[in-house]
Amino acid sequence: MSTTVTVTGMTCGCCADKVRAEVGRVAGVTEIEIDVPSGVVTARGVENRAAVTGAVIAAGYEVTA
């Protein structure tokens, strides 16, 4: 099980680190994959889109899809 969202505003590894830290706090997340150029973030171990979206927003970025 996993949740995938598309994030705008991530432009570098530092941005990805911020998103990774916040998404990593979501209960149940076991692994996080981030592709900076496409903005795709996949959180494995959880199927809670609202929680993952909230974490991305808490990191200072927007979810577009």
N, C-alpha and C. Protein backbone atom coordinates (compact mmCIF):
# COMPACT_ATOMS: atom_id res chain seq x y z
N MET A 1 0.84 -1.18 0.00
CA MET A 1 0.00 0.00 0.00
C MET A 1 0.88 1.23 0.00
N SER A 2 0.41 2.26 -0.70
CA SER A 2 1.18 3.49 -0.79
C SER A 2 0.27 4.65 -1.18
N THR A 3 0.79 5.85 -0.99
CA THR A 3 0.10 7.07 -1.38
C THR A 3 1.07 7.90 -2.20
N THR A 4 0.64 8.36 -3.37
CA THR A 4 1.47 9.18 -4.24
C THR A 4 0.80 10.52 -4.47
N VAL A 5 1.59 11.58 -4.33
CA VAL A 5 1.10 12.94 -4.58
C VAL A 5 2.13 13.66 -5.46
N THR A 6 1.66 14.70 -6.15
CA THR A 6 2.55 15.54 -6.94
C THR A 6 2.66 16.88 -6.24
N VAL A 7 3.90 17.31 -6.04
CA VAL A 7 4.20 18.50 -5.25
C VAL A 7 4.80 19.58 -6.15
N THR A 8 4.38 20.82 -5.95
CA THR A 8 5.00 21.93 -6.68
C THR A 8 5.93 22.69 -5.74
N GLY A 9 6.98 23.24 -6.32
CA GLY A 9 7.89 24.08 -5.55
C GLY A 9 9.16 23.39 -5.11
N MET A 10 9.24 22.07 -5.22
CA MET A 10 10.50 21.38 -4.86
C MET A 10 11.48 21.57 -6.01
N THR A 11 12.62 22.16 -5.72
CA THR A 11 13.58 22.42 -6.79
C THR A 11 14.96 21.82 -6.53
N CYS A 12 15.15 21.25 -5.33
CA CYS A 12 16.49 20.75 -5.00
C CYS A 12 16.41 19.67 -3.92
N GLY A 13 17.54 19.10 -3.61
CA GLY A 13 17.61 18.08 -2.59
C GLY A 13 17.22 18.58 -1.22
N CYS A 14 17.51 19.83 -0.92
CA CYS A 14 17.13 20.42 0.37
C CYS A 14 15.62 20.47 0.50
N CYS A 15 14.95 20.83 -0.59
CA CYS A 15 13.48 20.85 -0.60
C CYS A 15 12.95 19.44 -0.33
N ALA A 16 13.52 18.47 -1.02
CA ALA A 16 13.10 17.08 -0.85
C ALA A 16 13.33 16.61 0.59
N ASP A 17 14.42 17.05 1.19
CA ASP A 17 14.70 16.67 2.59
C ASP A 17 13.62 17.21 3.53
N LYS A 18 13.15 18.43 3.28
CA LYS A 18 12.09 19.01 4.11
C LYS A 18 10.80 18.20 3.99
N VAL A 19 10.46 17.85 2.74
CA VAL A 19 9.25 17.06 2.50
C VAL A 19 9.41 15.68 3.13
N ARG A 20 10.57 15.07 2.94
CA ARG A 20 10.83 13.73 3.49
C ARG A 20 10.68 13.73 5.02
N ALA A 21 11.19 14.76 5.67
CA ALA A 21 11.11 14.83 7.13
C ALA A 21 9.66 14.91 7.61
N GLU A 22 8.86 15.72 6.95
CA GLU A 22 7.46 15.87 7.36
C GLU A 22 6.63 14.63 7.02
N VAL A 23 6.80 14.10 5.82
CA VAL A 23 6.04 12.91 5.43
C VAL A 23 6.45 11.73 6.30
N GLY A 24 7.71 11.68 6.70
CA GLY A 24 8.19 10.61 7.57
C GLY A 24 7.53 10.59 8.93
N ARG A 25 6.89 11.67 9.32
CA ARG A 25 6.20 11.75 10.60
C ARG A 25 4.78 11.19 10.55
N VAL A 26 4.30 10.92 9.34
CA VAL A 26 2.94 10.38 9.18
C VAL A 26 2.94 8.92 9.67
N ALA A 27 1.99 8.61 10.52
CA ALA A 27 1.90 7.26 11.09
C ALA A 27 1.77 6.22 10.00
N GLY A 28 2.61 5.20 10.08
CA GLY A 28 2.55 4.09 9.14
C GLY A 28 3.52 4.16 7.99
N VAL A 29 4.11 5.33 7.74
CA VAL A 29 5.03 5.46 6.61
C VAL A 29 6.29 4.64 6.89
N THR A 30 6.63 3.77 5.93
CA THR A 30 7.80 2.92 6.08
C THR A 30 8.91 3.29 5.11
N GLU A 31 8.55 3.96 4.02
CA GLU A 31 9.55 4.34 3.02
C GLU A 31 9.00 5.52 2.23
N ILE A 32 9.91 6.42 1.81
CA ILE A 32 9.50 7.60 1.05
C ILE A 32 10.39 7.69 -0.18
N GLU A 33 9.76 7.82 -1.34
CA GLU A 33 10.49 8.04 -2.59
C GLU A 33 10.11 9.42 -3.11
N ILE A 34 11.12 10.20 -3.47
CA ILE A 34 10.86 11.55 -3.99
C ILE A 34 11.64 11.74 -5.28
N ASP A 35 10.93 12.16 -6.34
CA ASP A 35 11.56 12.53 -7.59
C ASP A 35 11.42 14.04 -7.75
N VAL A 36 12.50 14.76 -7.50
CA VAL A 36 12.44 16.22 -7.49
C VAL A 36 12.02 16.80 -8.84
N PRO A 37 12.60 16.36 -9.97
CA PRO A 37 12.21 16.99 -11.25
C PRO A 37 10.71 16.88 -11.56
N SER A 38 10.10 15.75 -11.25
CA SER A 38 8.67 15.59 -11.55
C SER A 38 7.79 16.02 -10.39
N GLY A 39 8.36 16.13 -9.19
CA GLY A 39 7.60 16.51 -8.01
C GLY A 39 6.80 15.37 -7.40
N VAL A 40 7.05 14.15 -7.85
CA VAL A 40 6.28 13.00 -7.36
C VAL A 40 6.85 12.49 -6.04
N VAL A 41 5.96 12.39 -5.05
CA VAL A 41 6.32 11.87 -3.73
C VAL A 41 5.47 10.64 -3.47
N THR A 42 6.12 9.52 -3.16
CA THR A 42 5.40 8.29 -2.84
C THR A 42 5.75 7.89 -1.41
N ALA A 43 4.71 7.74 -0.60
CA ALA A 43 4.87 7.29 0.78
C ALA A 43 4.36 5.86 0.87
N ARG A 44 5.23 4.92 1.17
CA ARG A 44 4.84 3.51 1.27
C ARG A 44 4.45 3.18 2.71
N GLY A 45 3.50 2.25 2.82
CA GLY A 45 3.06 1.80 4.13
C GLY A 45 1.82 2.52 4.64
N VAL A 46 1.32 3.47 3.84
CA VAL A 46 0.16 4.24 4.28
C VAL A 46 -0.72 4.57 3.07
N GLU A 47 -2.02 4.53 3.27
CA GLU A 47 -2.98 4.94 2.23
C GLU A 47 -3.84 6.07 2.76
N ASN A 48 -3.20 7.09 3.26
CA ASN A 48 -3.91 8.23 3.84
C ASN A 48 -3.46 9.49 3.11
N ARG A 49 -4.13 9.76 1.99
CA ARG A 49 -3.75 10.91 1.16
C ARG A 49 -3.83 12.22 1.94
N ALA A 50 -4.84 12.36 2.77
CA ALA A 50 -5.01 13.61 3.53
C ALA A 50 -3.83 13.84 4.46
N ALA A 51 -3.34 12.79 5.10
CA ALA A 51 -2.21 12.93 6.02
C ALA A 51 -0.92 13.27 5.27
N VAL A 52 -0.71 12.62 4.13
CA VAL A 52 0.49 12.89 3.33
C VAL A 52 0.42 14.32 2.78
N THR A 53 -0.74 14.71 2.29
CA THR A 53 -0.92 16.08 1.78
C THR A 53 -0.67 17.10 2.88
N GLY A 54 -1.20 16.84 4.05
CA GLY A 54 -0.98 17.75 5.18
C GLY A 54 0.49 17.88 5.54
N ALA A 55 1.22 16.78 5.45
CA ALA A 55 2.65 16.80 5.75
C ALA A 55 3.41 17.64 4.73
N VAL A 56 3.04 17.49 3.46
CA VAL A 56 3.69 18.28 2.40
C VAL A 56 3.41 19.77 2.63
N ILE A 57 2.19 20.10 2.96
CA ILE A 57 1.83 21.50 3.23
C ILE A 57 2.60 22.01 4.44
N ALA A 58 2.74 21.19 5.46
CA ALA A 58 3.50 21.58 6.66
C ALA A 58 4.96 21.85 6.33
N ALA A 59 5.47 21.18 5.28
CA ALA A 59 6.85 21.41 4.85
C ALA A 59 6.99 22.68 4.03
N GLY A 60 5.84 23.28 3.65
CA GLY A 60 5.87 24.54 2.92
C GLY A 60 5.65 24.42 1.43
N TYR A 61 5.07 23.32 0.97
CA TYR A 61 4.87 23.09 -0.45
C TYR A 61 3.40 22.80 -0.73
N GLU A 62 3.02 22.82 -2.02
CA GLU A 62 1.64 22.58 -2.41
C GLU A 62 1.53 21.24 -3.12
N VAL A 63 0.40 20.58 -2.92
CA VAL A 63 0.09 19.34 -3.63
C VAL A 63 -0.85 19.69 -4.77
N THR A 64 -0.48 19.28 -5.99
CA THR A 64 -1.30 19.61 -7.15
C THR A 64 -2.08 18.42 -7.67
N ALA A 65 -1.65 17.22 -7.32
CA ALA A 65 -2.37 16.02 -7.79
C ALA A 65 -2.15 14.89 -6.83
